[in-house]
Amino acid sequence: MDKMGSITLVIGLVLCVLGGYAIWAFIPEVISAVKGLIGIAVLLAGLVLVIFGALILRD
């Protein structure tokens, strides 16, 4: 298990470095994606609150 853990750690570090480089290389697209994800999260939170409010009013 020690060898497998070391391999997994090295692969994880390499993927983190590559991901960081990709974010740096495509920063305008990353900013647009984050803005879109924030919008989707707000939309889903609003939808949940609407459903929750409707369920409360039903009681």
N, C-alpha and C. Protein backbone atom coordinates (compact mmCIF):
# COMPACT_ATOMS: atom_id res chain seq x y z
N MET A 1 0.82 -1.20 0.00
CA MET A 1 0.00 0.00 0.00
C MET A 1 0.86 1.26 0.00
N ASP A 2 2.05 1.18 0.56
CA ASP A 2 2.92 2.35 0.61
C ASP A 2 3.33 2.79 -0.79
N LYS A 3 3.64 1.80 -1.65
CA LYS A 3 4.04 2.13 -3.02
C LYS A 3 2.86 2.73 -3.79
N MET A 4 1.69 2.19 -3.61
CA MET A 4 0.51 2.69 -4.29
C MET A 4 0.16 4.10 -3.81
N GLY A 5 0.32 4.36 -2.53
CA GLY A 5 0.07 5.69 -1.99
C GLY A 5 1.04 6.72 -2.56
N SER A 6 2.28 6.34 -2.71
CA SER A 6 3.29 7.24 -3.27
C SER A 6 2.97 7.56 -4.73
N ILE A 7 2.59 6.54 -5.49
CA ILE A 7 2.24 6.74 -6.90
C ILE A 7 1.03 7.65 -7.02
N THR A 8 0.04 7.41 -6.17
CA THR A 8 -1.17 8.23 -6.20
C THR A 8 -0.85 9.68 -5.84
N LEU A 9 0.04 9.88 -4.86
CA LEU A 9 0.43 11.23 -4.46
C LEU A 9 1.14 11.96 -5.59
N VAL A 10 2.05 11.28 -6.27
CA VAL A 10 2.78 11.90 -7.38
C VAL A 10 1.84 12.24 -8.52
N ILE A 11 0.95 11.32 -8.88
CA ILE A 11 -0.01 11.58 -9.95
C ILE A 11 -0.94 12.73 -9.58
N GLY A 12 -1.38 12.78 -8.33
CA GLY A 12 -2.23 13.87 -7.88
C GLY A 12 -1.53 15.22 -7.95
N LEU A 13 -0.26 15.26 -7.56
CA LEU A 13 0.50 16.50 -7.65
C LEU A 13 0.69 16.95 -9.09
N VAL A 14 0.97 16.00 -9.99
CA VAL A 14 1.12 16.33 -11.40
C VAL A 14 -0.18 16.88 -11.96
N LEU A 15 -1.30 16.26 -11.61
CA LEU A 15 -2.60 16.74 -12.08
C LEU A 15 -2.93 18.13 -11.53
N CYS A 16 -2.56 18.39 -10.28
CA CYS A 16 -2.78 19.72 -9.70
C CYS A 16 -1.97 20.78 -10.44
N VAL A 17 -0.72 20.46 -10.76
CA VAL A 17 0.12 21.40 -11.49
C VAL A 17 -0.44 21.65 -12.88
N LEU A 18 -0.84 20.59 -13.58
CA LEU A 18 -1.41 20.75 -14.91
C LEU A 18 -2.72 21.53 -14.87
N GLY A 19 -3.54 21.28 -13.87
CA GLY A 19 -4.79 22.02 -13.72
C GLY A 19 -4.55 23.49 -13.43
N GLY A 20 -3.58 23.78 -12.58
CA GLY A 20 -3.23 25.18 -12.31
C GLY A 20 -2.73 25.88 -13.55
N TYR A 21 -1.90 25.19 -14.34
CA TYR A 21 -1.42 25.78 -15.59
C TYR A 21 -2.57 26.02 -16.56
N ALA A 22 -3.50 25.08 -16.65
CA ALA A 22 -4.64 25.24 -17.55
C ALA A 22 -5.51 26.42 -17.12
N ILE A 23 -5.69 26.59 -15.82
CA ILE A 23 -6.47 27.73 -15.33
C ILE A 23 -5.75 29.03 -15.68
N TRP A 24 -4.43 29.07 -15.50
CA TRP A 24 -3.65 30.27 -15.80
C TRP A 24 -3.69 30.58 -17.30
N ALA A 25 -3.61 29.53 -18.13
CA ALA A 25 -3.57 29.73 -19.57
C ALA A 25 -4.92 30.19 -20.13
N PHE A 26 -6.00 29.76 -19.52
CA PHE A 26 -7.33 30.08 -20.02
C PHE A 26 -8.13 30.91 -19.02
N ILE A 27 -7.50 31.89 -18.40
CA ILE A 27 -8.13 32.66 -17.33
C ILE A 27 -9.42 33.36 -17.75
N PRO A 28 -9.54 33.93 -18.95
CA PRO A 28 -10.84 34.57 -19.29
C PRO A 28 -11.99 33.56 -19.35
N GLU A 29 -11.72 32.39 -19.90
CA GLU A 29 -12.76 31.36 -19.95
C GLU A 29 -13.10 30.84 -18.57
N VAL A 30 -12.09 30.76 -17.70
CA VAL A 30 -12.33 30.30 -16.33
C VAL A 30 -13.22 31.29 -15.59
N ILE A 31 -12.96 32.58 -15.78
CA ILE A 31 -13.78 33.61 -15.13
C ILE A 31 -15.22 33.52 -15.63
N SER A 32 -15.40 33.32 -16.92
CA SER A 32 -16.75 33.18 -17.47
C SER A 32 -17.44 31.94 -16.91
N ALA A 33 -16.70 30.86 -16.79
CA ALA A 33 -17.29 29.62 -16.26
C ALA A 33 -17.69 29.80 -14.80
N VAL A 34 -16.85 30.47 -14.02
CA VAL A 34 -17.18 30.69 -12.60
C VAL A 34 -18.41 31.58 -12.48
N LYS A 35 -18.51 32.60 -13.31
CA LYS A 35 -19.70 33.46 -13.29
C LYS A 35 -20.95 32.64 -13.63
N GLY A 36 -20.84 31.76 -14.61
CA GLY A 36 -21.96 30.91 -14.98
C GLY A 36 -22.34 29.95 -13.86
N LEU A 37 -21.34 29.39 -13.18
CA LEU A 37 -21.62 28.47 -12.08
C LEU A 37 -22.27 29.20 -10.91
N ILE A 38 -21.84 30.44 -10.66
CA ILE A 38 -22.48 31.22 -9.60
C ILE A 38 -23.95 31.47 -9.95
N GLY A 39 -24.21 31.78 -11.21
CA GLY A 39 -25.59 31.98 -11.64
C GLY A 39 -26.43 30.73 -11.49
N ILE A 40 -25.87 29.60 -11.86
CA ILE A 40 -26.60 28.34 -11.72
C ILE A 40 -26.86 28.02 -10.26
N ALA A 41 -25.87 28.27 -9.39
CA ALA A 41 -26.05 28.00 -7.95
C ALA A 41 -27.14 28.89 -7.37
N VAL A 42 -27.17 30.16 -7.76
CA VAL A 42 -28.21 31.07 -7.27
C VAL A 42 -29.58 30.64 -7.77
N LEU A 43 -29.65 30.23 -9.04
CA LEU A 43 -30.92 29.75 -9.59
C LEU A 43 -31.42 28.52 -8.84
N LEU A 44 -30.54 27.57 -8.57
CA LEU A 44 -30.95 26.36 -7.85
C LEU A 44 -31.35 26.68 -6.42
N ALA A 45 -30.63 27.59 -5.76
CA ALA A 45 -31.01 27.97 -4.40
C ALA A 45 -32.39 28.63 -4.40
N GLY A 46 -32.64 29.48 -5.37
CA GLY A 46 -33.95 30.10 -5.47
C GLY A 46 -35.05 29.09 -5.71
N LEU A 47 -34.78 28.13 -6.57
CA LEU A 47 -35.76 27.08 -6.85
C LEU A 47 -36.07 26.26 -5.60
N VAL A 48 -35.04 25.92 -4.86
CA VAL A 48 -35.24 25.16 -3.62
C VAL A 48 -36.06 25.98 -2.63
N LEU A 49 -35.77 27.27 -2.51
CA LEU A 49 -36.54 28.11 -1.59
C LEU A 49 -38.00 28.25 -2.02
N VAL A 50 -38.24 28.34 -3.32
CA VAL A 50 -39.62 28.41 -3.82
C VAL A 50 -40.37 27.13 -3.48
N ILE A 51 -39.74 25.99 -3.71
CA ILE A 51 -40.39 24.71 -3.40
C ILE A 51 -40.62 24.57 -1.89
N PHE A 52 -39.60 24.94 -1.10
CA PHE A 52 -39.71 24.87 0.36
C PHE A 52 -40.82 25.79 0.85
N GLY A 53 -40.88 27.01 0.31
CA GLY A 53 -41.93 27.94 0.70
C GLY A 53 -43.32 27.44 0.35
N ALA A 54 -43.44 26.84 -0.82
CA ALA A 54 -44.74 26.28 -1.23
C ALA A 54 -45.15 25.13 -0.31
N LEU A 55 -44.20 24.33 0.09
CA LEU A 55 -44.52 23.22 1.01
C LEU A 55 -44.92 23.75 2.38
N ILE A 56 -44.30 24.81 2.83
CA ILE A 56 -44.66 25.38 4.12
C ILE A 56 -46.07 25.99 4.07
N LEU A 57 -46.38 26.69 2.96
CA LEU A 57 -47.70 27.31 2.84
C LEU A 57 -48.81 26.26 2.74
N ARG A 58 -48.47 25.07 2.24
CA ARG A 58 -49.48 24.01 2.13
C ARG A 58 -49.96 23.52 3.47
N ASP A 59 -49.06 23.55 4.49
CA ASP A 59 -49.44 23.06 5.81
C ASP A 59 -50.44 23.89 6.47
